[in-house]
Amino acid sequence: MNDLVDNNIKGIYIDTITGEEKYVHLGDQVNIIRSNSITAVQRKSDREKNLIHGFNSDKTYVKIYDEAIPVLQKYLTPPEFKLVICLAPHVNFEDCIIRKNTRINGDPLNLKDICSLFGYKYDYGRKMIRNLINKGILAKVDVGSIYKEYDNNKTEVYLVNPFIYFR
């Protein structure tokens, strides 16, 4: 207590971990950390220790613009909306083509593939795709080859509107 008479000492605090008395001198900076703050920091540290680094790093994903969803719900029928959402995993991020395997630039899905994938009868699937094309969700494009020997080979591909999906 005699130390308190010294004008440079402005206070005493007790270290709750060690129980030791410590003096606060003039000019010292003191940060008061409350027990609930310590608990929060410990919880955060525990969460970080339990993180699995690289989790889902081998997975692909598709993003759909937030603004597009209510517009799609307004202008599409429920089956069309469902198809648009179900096509999302098949959108290739490099070219917006609907493909069998988007990780390795798989073959484009044709109408028959789409019908088979979603269990549609061909006529129903053709109608659904045609409606999505007419509404600007999909585009059907004939793609040729850059090689002369394959000049007659044209492939029909479906592109998605890049203002709806992106990877």
N, C-alpha and C. Protein backbone atom coordinates (compact mmCIF):
# COMPACT_ATOMS: atom_id res chain seq x y z
N MET A 1 0.81 -1.19 0.00
CA MET A 1 0.00 0.00 0.00
C MET A 1 0.85 1.25 0.00
N ASN A 2 2.07 1.17 0.54
CA ASN A 2 2.93 2.34 0.55
C ASN A 2 3.29 2.78 -0.85
N ASP A 3 3.24 1.85 -1.79
CA ASP A 3 3.56 2.20 -3.17
C ASP A 3 2.52 3.14 -3.76
N LEU A 4 1.29 3.12 -3.25
CA LEU A 4 0.24 3.98 -3.78
C LEU A 4 0.52 5.44 -3.49
N VAL A 5 1.32 5.71 -2.51
CA VAL A 5 1.66 7.09 -2.18
C VAL A 5 2.49 7.69 -3.31
N ASP A 6 3.24 6.86 -4.05
CA ASP A 6 4.02 7.31 -5.19
C ASP A 6 3.05 7.90 -6.23
N ASN A 7 3.26 9.11 -6.67
CA ASN A 7 2.36 9.79 -7.59
C ASN A 7 2.31 9.16 -8.97
N ASN A 8 3.29 8.36 -9.33
CA ASN A 8 3.29 7.72 -10.64
C ASN A 8 2.35 6.53 -10.71
N ILE A 9 1.98 5.96 -9.59
CA ILE A 9 1.09 4.80 -9.58
C ILE A 9 -0.34 5.31 -9.54
N LYS A 10 -1.12 4.89 -10.54
CA LYS A 10 -2.50 5.35 -10.66
C LYS A 10 -3.52 4.28 -10.30
N GLY A 11 -3.11 3.07 -10.14
CA GLY A 11 -4.05 2.03 -9.80
C GLY A 11 -3.39 0.68 -9.66
N ILE A 12 -4.19 -0.27 -9.19
CA ILE A 12 -3.74 -1.64 -9.01
C ILE A 12 -4.79 -2.53 -9.67
N TYR A 13 -4.31 -3.57 -10.30
CA TYR A 13 -5.23 -4.58 -10.76
C TYR A 13 -4.67 -5.94 -10.40
N ILE A 14 -5.55 -6.90 -10.35
CA ILE A 14 -5.15 -8.25 -9.98
C ILE A 14 -5.28 -9.14 -11.20
N ASP A 15 -4.20 -9.80 -11.53
CA ASP A 15 -4.20 -10.76 -12.63
C ASP A 15 -5.02 -11.96 -12.17
N THR A 16 -6.16 -12.22 -12.83
CA THR A 16 -7.05 -13.29 -12.38
C THR A 16 -6.48 -14.68 -12.61
N ILE A 17 -5.50 -14.77 -13.49
CA ILE A 17 -4.90 -16.08 -13.74
C ILE A 17 -3.86 -16.40 -12.66
N THR A 18 -2.99 -15.45 -12.36
CA THR A 18 -1.91 -15.71 -11.40
C THR A 18 -2.25 -15.22 -10.00
N GLY A 19 -3.24 -14.31 -9.86
CA GLY A 19 -3.58 -13.74 -8.56
C GLY A 19 -2.60 -12.65 -8.13
N GLU A 20 -1.68 -12.30 -8.95
CA GLU A 20 -0.64 -11.32 -8.63
C GLU A 20 -1.18 -9.89 -8.76
N GLU A 21 -0.79 -9.04 -7.81
CA GLU A 21 -1.14 -7.62 -7.89
C GLU A 21 -0.19 -6.93 -8.85
N LYS A 22 -0.77 -6.10 -9.71
CA LYS A 22 0.05 -5.36 -10.65
C LYS A 22 -0.34 -3.90 -10.56
N TYR A 23 0.65 -3.04 -10.75
CA TYR A 23 0.43 -1.60 -10.63
C TYR A 23 0.30 -0.97 -12.00
N VAL A 24 -0.56 0.03 -12.07
CA VAL A 24 -0.71 0.82 -13.27
C VAL A 24 -0.04 2.16 -13.00
N HIS A 25 0.95 2.47 -13.82
CA HIS A 25 1.71 3.70 -13.65
C HIS A 25 1.21 4.76 -14.62
N LEU A 26 1.52 5.98 -14.35
CA LEU A 26 1.18 7.08 -15.21
C LEU A 26 1.76 6.82 -16.61
N GLY A 27 0.93 6.88 -17.65
CA GLY A 27 1.39 6.64 -19.01
C GLY A 27 1.21 5.21 -19.48
N ASP A 28 0.90 4.28 -18.57
CA ASP A 28 0.67 2.90 -18.97
C ASP A 28 -0.64 2.79 -19.76
N GLN A 29 -0.63 1.90 -20.70
CA GLN A 29 -1.87 1.60 -21.41
C GLN A 29 -2.40 0.28 -20.88
N VAL A 30 -3.65 0.28 -20.52
CA VAL A 30 -4.25 -0.91 -19.93
C VAL A 30 -5.45 -1.31 -20.77
N ASN A 31 -5.48 -2.55 -21.18
CA ASN A 31 -6.63 -3.11 -21.87
C ASN A 31 -7.36 -4.01 -20.90
N ILE A 32 -8.61 -3.70 -20.66
CA ILE A 32 -9.41 -4.53 -19.76
C ILE A 32 -10.14 -5.56 -20.61
N ILE A 33 -9.86 -6.81 -20.31
CA ILE A 33 -10.51 -7.90 -21.03
C ILE A 33 -11.42 -8.61 -20.05
N ARG A 34 -12.68 -8.57 -20.33
CA ARG A 34 -13.67 -9.19 -19.45
C ARG A 34 -13.74 -10.69 -19.74
N SER A 35 -14.21 -11.44 -18.79
CA SER A 35 -14.22 -12.89 -18.92
C SER A 35 -15.05 -13.36 -20.11
N ASN A 36 -16.17 -12.66 -20.40
CA ASN A 36 -16.97 -13.10 -21.55
C ASN A 36 -16.23 -12.87 -22.86
N SER A 37 -15.34 -11.85 -22.92
CA SER A 37 -14.53 -11.64 -24.12
C SER A 37 -13.51 -12.76 -24.28
N ILE A 38 -12.92 -13.17 -23.17
CA ILE A 38 -11.95 -14.27 -23.21
C ILE A 38 -12.64 -15.54 -23.69
N THR A 39 -13.85 -15.79 -23.20
CA THR A 39 -14.60 -16.98 -23.61
C THR A 39 -14.89 -16.94 -25.11
N ALA A 40 -15.27 -15.77 -25.62
CA ALA A 40 -15.57 -15.64 -27.05
C ALA A 40 -14.32 -15.90 -27.88
N VAL A 41 -13.18 -15.38 -27.46
CA VAL A 41 -11.93 -15.59 -28.18
C VAL A 41 -11.55 -17.06 -28.16
N GLN A 42 -11.74 -17.72 -27.01
CA GLN A 42 -11.44 -19.15 -26.92
C GLN A 42 -12.35 -19.97 -27.83
N ARG A 43 -13.64 -19.61 -27.89
CA ARG A 43 -14.57 -20.33 -28.77
C ARG A 43 -14.17 -20.16 -30.22
N LYS A 44 -13.78 -18.94 -30.60
CA LYS A 44 -13.35 -18.70 -31.99
C LYS A 44 -12.11 -19.52 -32.30
N SER A 45 -11.18 -19.56 -31.36
CA SER A 45 -9.96 -20.33 -31.55
C SER A 45 -10.28 -21.82 -31.70
N ASP A 46 -11.21 -22.31 -30.88
CA ASP A 46 -11.61 -23.71 -30.97
C ASP A 46 -12.26 -24.01 -32.32
N ARG A 47 -13.10 -23.09 -32.82
CA ARG A 47 -13.74 -23.29 -34.14
C ARG A 47 -12.69 -23.34 -35.23
N GLU A 48 -11.70 -22.45 -35.16
CA GLU A 48 -10.65 -22.42 -36.18
C GLU A 48 -9.82 -23.70 -36.15
N LYS A 49 -9.59 -24.26 -34.96
CA LYS A 49 -8.85 -25.51 -34.86
C LYS A 49 -9.61 -26.66 -35.51
N ASN A 50 -10.94 -26.60 -35.45
CA ASN A 50 -11.77 -27.68 -35.97
C ASN A 50 -12.08 -27.55 -37.46
N LEU A 51 -11.64 -26.45 -38.09
CA LEU A 51 -11.89 -26.29 -39.52
C LEU A 51 -11.12 -27.34 -40.31
N ILE A 52 -11.75 -27.80 -41.35
CA ILE A 52 -11.07 -28.74 -42.23
C ILE A 52 -10.61 -27.94 -43.43
N HIS A 53 -9.32 -27.74 -43.53
CA HIS A 53 -8.80 -26.95 -44.63
C HIS A 53 -8.92 -27.75 -45.92
N GLY A 54 -9.36 -27.05 -46.96
CA GLY A 54 -9.55 -27.71 -48.24
C GLY A 54 -10.91 -28.39 -48.36
N PHE A 55 -11.81 -28.15 -47.39
CA PHE A 55 -13.13 -28.77 -47.42
C PHE A 55 -13.85 -28.39 -48.72
N ASN A 56 -14.33 -29.37 -49.44
CA ASN A 56 -15.06 -29.21 -50.70
C ASN A 56 -14.21 -28.59 -51.81
N SER A 57 -12.90 -28.62 -51.69
CA SER A 57 -12.06 -28.01 -52.73
C SER A 57 -12.17 -28.76 -54.05
N ASP A 58 -12.61 -30.01 -54.01
CA ASP A 58 -12.74 -30.78 -55.24
C ASP A 58 -14.15 -30.69 -55.83
N LYS A 59 -15.00 -29.87 -55.24
CA LYS A 59 -16.38 -29.74 -55.68
C LYS A 59 -16.54 -28.53 -56.58
N THR A 60 -17.52 -28.60 -57.48
CA THR A 60 -17.85 -27.46 -58.31
C THR A 60 -19.09 -26.79 -57.74
N TYR A 61 -19.34 -25.60 -58.20
CA TYR A 61 -20.51 -24.88 -57.73
C TYR A 61 -20.99 -23.97 -58.84
N VAL A 62 -22.23 -23.57 -58.72
CA VAL A 62 -22.83 -22.62 -59.65
C VAL A 62 -23.49 -21.55 -58.81
N LYS A 63 -23.37 -20.33 -59.26
CA LYS A 63 -24.06 -19.23 -58.58
C LYS A 63 -25.18 -18.75 -59.48
N ILE A 64 -26.27 -18.41 -58.87
CA ILE A 64 -27.39 -17.82 -59.59
C ILE A 64 -27.58 -16.43 -59.00
N TYR A 65 -27.63 -15.44 -59.85
CA TYR A 65 -27.79 -14.07 -59.38
C TYR A 65 -29.08 -13.95 -58.56
N ASP A 66 -28.98 -13.27 -57.41
CA ASP A 66 -30.15 -13.08 -56.53
C ASP A 66 -31.31 -12.43 -57.27
N GLU A 67 -30.99 -11.43 -58.07
CA GLU A 67 -32.04 -10.68 -58.76
C GLU A 67 -32.76 -11.54 -59.79
N ALA A 68 -32.11 -12.58 -60.27
CA ALA A 68 -32.71 -13.41 -61.31
C ALA A 68 -33.81 -14.31 -60.77
N ILE A 69 -33.69 -14.73 -59.52
CA ILE A 69 -34.62 -15.73 -58.98
C ILE A 69 -36.06 -15.23 -58.96
N PRO A 70 -36.36 -14.04 -58.38
CA PRO A 70 -37.76 -13.61 -58.41
C PRO A 70 -38.29 -13.34 -59.82
N VAL A 71 -37.41 -12.90 -60.73
CA VAL A 71 -37.84 -12.68 -62.11
C VAL A 71 -38.18 -14.02 -62.76
N LEU A 72 -37.33 -15.02 -62.53
CA LEU A 72 -37.61 -16.35 -63.07
C LEU A 72 -38.91 -16.91 -62.51
N GLN A 73 -39.13 -16.73 -61.22
CA GLN A 73 -40.37 -17.24 -60.60
C GLN A 73 -41.60 -16.56 -61.18
N LYS A 74 -41.46 -15.29 -61.52
CA LYS A 74 -42.60 -14.54 -62.05
C LYS A 74 -42.95 -14.96 -63.47
N TYR A 75 -41.93 -15.17 -64.32
CA TYR A 75 -42.17 -15.38 -65.74
C TYR A 75 -42.14 -16.84 -66.19
N LEU A 76 -41.69 -17.74 -65.34
CA LEU A 76 -41.63 -19.15 -65.71
C LEU A 76 -42.73 -19.92 -65.00
N THR A 77 -43.18 -20.99 -65.64
CA THR A 77 -44.11 -21.89 -64.98
C THR A 77 -43.31 -22.68 -63.94
N PRO A 78 -43.94 -23.26 -62.93
CA PRO A 78 -43.19 -24.05 -61.94
C PRO A 78 -42.33 -25.16 -62.55
N PRO A 79 -42.82 -25.93 -63.56
CA PRO A 79 -41.93 -26.95 -64.15
C PRO A 79 -40.73 -26.33 -64.88
N GLU A 80 -40.93 -25.18 -65.53
CA GLU A 80 -39.82 -24.51 -66.21
C GLU A 80 -38.80 -24.00 -65.18
N PHE A 81 -39.30 -23.43 -64.10
CA PHE A 81 -38.41 -22.93 -63.04
C PHE A 81 -37.59 -24.08 -62.45
N LYS A 82 -38.26 -25.21 -62.21
CA LYS A 82 -37.56 -26.38 -61.68
C LYS A 82 -36.46 -26.84 -62.64
N LEU A 83 -36.75 -26.86 -63.92
CA LEU A 83 -35.75 -27.28 -64.91
C LEU A 83 -34.56 -26.32 -64.92
N VAL A 84 -34.84 -25.03 -64.84
CA VAL A 84 -33.76 -24.04 -64.83
C VAL A 84 -32.84 -24.26 -63.63
N ILE A 85 -33.41 -24.54 -62.49
CA ILE A 85 -32.60 -24.79 -61.29
C ILE A 85 -31.86 -26.12 -61.43
N CYS A 86 -32.53 -27.14 -61.95
CA CYS A 86 -31.90 -28.46 -62.08
C CYS A 86 -30.79 -28.47 -63.14
N LEU A 87 -30.84 -27.57 -64.11
CA LEU A 87 -29.78 -27.49 -65.12
C LEU A 87 -28.51 -26.85 -64.57
N ALA A 88 -28.62 -26.12 -63.47
CA ALA A 88 -27.49 -25.35 -62.93
C ALA A 88 -26.20 -26.16 -62.78
N PRO A 89 -26.22 -27.38 -62.25
CA PRO A 89 -24.96 -28.12 -62.10
C PRO A 89 -24.30 -28.50 -63.43
N HIS A 90 -25.04 -28.37 -64.51
CA HIS A 90 -24.51 -28.77 -65.82
C HIS A 90 -23.99 -27.59 -66.63
N VAL A 91 -24.02 -26.39 -66.05
CA VAL A 91 -23.55 -25.20 -66.75
C VAL A 91 -22.03 -25.14 -66.66
N ASN A 92 -21.37 -25.07 -67.82
CA ASN A 92 -19.91 -24.96 -67.84
C ASN A 92 -19.53 -23.50 -67.66
N PHE A 93 -18.60 -23.24 -66.76
CA PHE A 93 -18.25 -21.85 -66.43
C PHE A 93 -17.45 -21.15 -67.52
N GLU A 94 -16.82 -21.90 -68.40
CA GLU A 94 -15.99 -21.27 -69.43
C GLU A 94 -16.81 -20.79 -70.63
N ASP A 95 -17.87 -21.53 -70.97
CA ASP A 95 -18.58 -21.20 -72.20
C ASP A 95 -20.10 -21.16 -72.05
N CYS A 96 -20.63 -21.38 -70.85
CA CYS A 96 -22.07 -21.38 -70.56
C CYS A 96 -22.83 -22.48 -71.31
N ILE A 97 -22.12 -23.48 -71.79
CA ILE A 97 -22.77 -24.61 -72.47
C ILE A 97 -23.21 -25.63 -71.42
N ILE A 98 -24.39 -26.20 -71.63
CA ILE A 98 -24.87 -27.26 -70.74
C ILE A 98 -24.14 -28.53 -71.14
N ARG A 99 -23.37 -29.09 -70.19
CA ARG A 99 -22.51 -30.23 -70.48
C ARG A 99 -22.77 -31.39 -69.53
N LYS A 100 -22.31 -32.59 -69.95
CA LYS A 100 -22.44 -33.79 -69.11
C LYS A 100 -21.55 -33.70 -67.89
N ASN A 101 -20.33 -33.25 -68.06
CA ASN A 101 -19.39 -33.13 -66.95
C ASN A 101 -18.71 -31.78 -67.06
N THR A 102 -19.04 -30.87 -66.17
CA THR A 102 -18.52 -29.51 -66.28
C THR A 102 -17.09 -29.38 -65.79
N ARG A 103 -16.60 -30.33 -65.03
CA ARG A 103 -15.23 -30.23 -64.51
C ARG A 103 -14.18 -30.48 -65.59
N ILE A 104 -14.53 -31.31 -66.58
CA ILE A 104 -13.53 -31.63 -67.60
C ILE A 104 -14.01 -31.24 -69.00
N ASN A 105 -14.89 -30.26 -69.07
CA ASN A 105 -15.46 -29.85 -70.36
C ASN A 105 -16.03 -31.05 -71.10
N GLY A 106 -16.93 -31.74 -70.44
CA GLY A 106 -17.56 -32.92 -71.03
C GLY A 106 -18.39 -32.57 -72.25
N ASP A 107 -18.91 -33.59 -72.87
CA ASP A 107 -19.72 -33.41 -74.07
C ASP A 107 -20.95 -32.57 -73.75
N PRO A 108 -21.35 -31.75 -74.71
CA PRO A 108 -22.58 -30.97 -74.50
C PRO A 108 -23.80 -31.88 -74.39
N LEU A 109 -24.75 -31.49 -73.56
CA LEU A 109 -26.01 -32.24 -73.45
C LEU A 109 -26.92 -31.84 -74.60
N ASN A 110 -27.42 -32.82 -75.33
CA ASN A 110 -28.41 -32.51 -76.37
C ASN A 110 -29.81 -32.70 -75.78
N LEU A 111 -30.80 -32.47 -76.58
CA LEU A 111 -32.18 -32.56 -76.10
C LEU A 111 -32.50 -33.96 -75.57
N LYS A 112 -32.05 -34.97 -76.27
CA LYS A 112 -32.28 -36.35 -75.84
C LYS A 112 -31.62 -36.60 -74.47
N ASP A 113 -30.39 -36.09 -74.28
CA ASP A 113 -29.69 -36.25 -73.00
C ASP A 113 -30.44 -35.55 -71.86
N ILE A 114 -30.93 -34.34 -72.14
CA ILE A 114 -31.65 -33.57 -71.11
C ILE A 114 -32.92 -34.31 -70.72
N CYS A 115 -33.65 -34.81 -71.71
CA CYS A 115 -34.88 -35.57 -71.42
C CYS A 115 -34.57 -36.80 -70.58
N SER A 116 -33.52 -37.51 -70.94
CA SER A 116 -33.13 -38.71 -70.21
C SER A 116 -32.69 -38.36 -68.78
N LEU A 117 -31.91 -37.30 -68.65
CA LEU A 117 -31.39 -36.89 -67.35
C LEU A 117 -32.50 -36.55 -66.36
N PHE A 118 -33.55 -35.89 -66.85
CA PHE A 118 -34.62 -35.44 -65.96
C PHE A 118 -35.89 -36.29 -66.05
N GLY A 119 -35.82 -37.38 -66.81
CA GLY A 119 -36.95 -38.30 -66.88
C GLY A 119 -38.14 -37.76 -67.66
N TYR A 120 -37.88 -36.89 -68.64
CA TYR A 120 -38.95 -36.33 -69.45
C TYR A 120 -39.18 -37.20 -70.69
N LYS A 121 -40.43 -37.27 -71.13
CA LYS A 121 -40.69 -37.82 -72.45
C LYS A 121 -40.15 -36.81 -73.45
N TYR A 122 -39.73 -37.29 -74.60
CA TYR A 122 -39.05 -36.43 -75.57
C TYR A 122 -39.90 -35.21 -75.96
N ASP A 123 -41.18 -35.43 -76.26
CA ASP A 123 -42.04 -34.31 -76.69
C ASP A 123 -42.19 -33.27 -75.58
N TYR A 124 -42.34 -33.73 -74.35
CA TYR A 124 -42.46 -32.80 -73.22
C TYR A 124 -41.16 -32.03 -73.02
N GLY A 125 -40.04 -32.72 -73.08
CA GLY A 125 -38.73 -32.07 -72.92
C GLY A 125 -38.48 -31.06 -74.02
N ARG A 126 -38.85 -31.39 -75.25
CA ARG A 126 -38.68 -30.47 -76.37
C ARG A 126 -39.51 -29.20 -76.16
N LYS A 127 -40.73 -29.38 -75.66
CA LYS A 127 -41.60 -28.22 -75.38
C LYS A 127 -41.00 -27.35 -74.27
N MET A 128 -40.50 -27.98 -73.22
CA MET A 128 -39.90 -27.22 -72.10
C MET A 128 -38.69 -26.43 -72.57
N ILE A 129 -37.81 -27.07 -73.32
CA ILE A 129 -36.60 -26.40 -73.82
C ILE A 129 -36.98 -25.27 -74.78
N ARG A 130 -37.94 -25.53 -75.67
CA ARG A 130 -38.38 -24.50 -76.60
C ARG A 130 -38.93 -23.28 -75.84
N ASN A 131 -39.71 -23.53 -74.78
CA ASN A 131 -40.24 -22.43 -73.97
C ASN A 131 -39.12 -21.63 -73.31
N LEU A 132 -38.09 -22.33 -72.81
CA LEU A 132 -36.97 -21.63 -72.18
C LEU A 132 -36.16 -20.83 -73.20
N ILE A 133 -36.08 -21.34 -74.42
CA ILE A 133 -35.40 -20.60 -75.49
C ILE A 133 -36.21 -19.34 -75.82
N ASN A 134 -37.53 -19.49 -75.97
CA ASN A 134 -38.39 -18.35 -76.29
C ASN A 134 -38.39 -17.29 -75.20
N LYS A 135 -38.15 -17.71 -73.97
CA LYS A 135 -38.13 -16.75 -72.84
C LYS A 135 -36.74 -16.19 -72.56
N GLY A 136 -35.75 -16.58 -73.37
CA GLY A 136 -34.41 -16.01 -73.24
C GLY A 136 -33.55 -16.64 -72.16
N ILE A 137 -33.95 -17.79 -71.64
CA ILE A 137 -33.18 -18.48 -70.61
C ILE A 137 -32.08 -19.31 -71.26
N LEU A 138 -32.42 -19.98 -72.35
CA LEU A 138 -31.48 -20.82 -73.10
C LEU A 138 -31.37 -20.32 -74.53
N ALA A 139 -30.29 -20.72 -75.18
CA ALA A 139 -30.13 -20.50 -76.61
C ALA A 139 -29.65 -21.81 -77.22
N LYS A 140 -30.17 -22.12 -78.40
CA LYS A 140 -29.73 -23.31 -79.12
C LYS A 140 -28.83 -22.84 -80.25
N VAL A 141 -27.62 -23.38 -80.27
CA VAL A 141 -26.61 -22.92 -81.23
C VAL A 141 -26.02 -24.13 -81.94
N ASP A 142 -25.85 -24.01 -83.25
CA ASP A 142 -25.13 -25.03 -84.01
C ASP A 142 -23.66 -24.65 -84.03
N VAL A 143 -22.83 -25.57 -83.56
CA VAL A 143 -21.40 -25.32 -83.48
C VAL A 143 -20.71 -26.25 -84.47
N GLY A 144 -19.83 -25.68 -85.29
CA GLY A 144 -19.09 -26.47 -86.25
C GLY A 144 -17.66 -26.67 -85.79
N SER A 145 -16.87 -27.25 -86.64
CA SER A 145 -15.48 -27.52 -86.33
C SER A 145 -14.59 -26.52 -87.06
N ILE A 146 -13.41 -26.27 -86.50
CA ILE A 146 -12.45 -25.40 -87.17
C ILE A 146 -11.60 -26.18 -88.17
N TYR A 147 -11.75 -27.50 -88.19
CA TYR A 147 -10.97 -28.35 -89.08
C TYR A 147 -11.77 -28.67 -90.34
N LYS A 148 -11.14 -28.57 -91.50
CA LYS A 148 -11.83 -28.78 -92.77
C LYS A 148 -12.38 -30.20 -92.90
N GLU A 149 -11.64 -31.19 -92.38
CA GLU A 149 -12.11 -32.57 -92.53
C GLU A 149 -13.37 -32.85 -91.72
N TYR A 150 -13.67 -31.99 -90.75
CA TYR A 150 -14.88 -32.17 -89.94
C TYR A 150 -15.93 -31.11 -90.27
N ASP A 151 -15.81 -30.49 -91.42
CA ASP A 151 -16.64 -29.36 -91.79
C ASP A 151 -18.14 -29.65 -91.73
N ASN A 152 -18.52 -30.85 -92.11
CA ASN A 152 -19.94 -31.19 -92.14
C ASN A 152 -20.50 -31.54 -90.76
N ASN A 153 -19.62 -31.70 -89.79
CA ASN A 153 -20.06 -32.07 -88.45
C ASN A 153 -20.49 -30.83 -87.68
N LYS A 154 -21.76 -30.70 -87.47
CA LYS A 154 -22.28 -29.59 -86.67
C LYS A 154 -22.90 -30.22 -85.42
N THR A 155 -22.62 -29.59 -84.30
CA THR A 155 -23.17 -30.06 -83.03
C THR A 155 -24.13 -29.02 -82.51
N GLU A 156 -25.26 -29.47 -82.07
CA GLU A 156 -26.25 -28.58 -81.48
C GLU A 156 -25.97 -28.49 -79.99
N VAL A 157 -25.77 -27.28 -79.48
CA VAL A 157 -25.51 -27.10 -78.05
C VAL A 157 -26.52 -26.11 -77.48
N TYR A 158 -26.73 -26.24 -76.19
CA TYR A 158 -27.61 -25.31 -75.48
C TYR A 158 -26.74 -24.44 -74.58
N LEU A 159 -26.93 -23.14 -74.72
CA LEU A 159 -26.22 -22.17 -73.88
C LEU A 159 -27.21 -21.58 -72.88
N VAL A 160 -26.71 -21.27 -71.70
CA VAL A 160 -27.57 -20.60 -70.71
C VAL A 160 -27.29 -19.11 -70.73
N ASN A 161 -28.25 -18.36 -70.32
CA ASN A 161 -28.12 -16.91 -70.24
C ASN A 161 -27.11 -16.57 -69.14
N PRO A 162 -26.01 -15.90 -69.46
CA PRO A 162 -24.99 -15.61 -68.45
C PRO A 162 -25.43 -14.58 -67.42
N PHE A 163 -26.57 -13.94 -67.63
CA PHE A 163 -27.08 -13.00 -66.65
C PHE A 163 -27.93 -13.70 -65.59
N ILE A 164 -28.03 -15.01 -65.69
CA ILE A 164 -28.74 -15.81 -64.69
C ILE A 164 -27.75 -16.63 -63.87
N TYR A 165 -26.92 -17.40 -64.56
CA TYR A 165 -25.96 -18.29 -63.90
C TYR A 165 -24.54 -17.78 -64.10
N PHE A 166 -23.69 -18.13 -63.18
CA PHE A 166 -22.25 -18.03 -63.43
C PHE A 166 -21.55 -18.95 -62.46
N ARG A 167 -20.37 -19.39 -62.84
CA ARG A 167 -19.56 -20.26 -62.00
C ARG A 167 -18.37 -19.48 -61.50
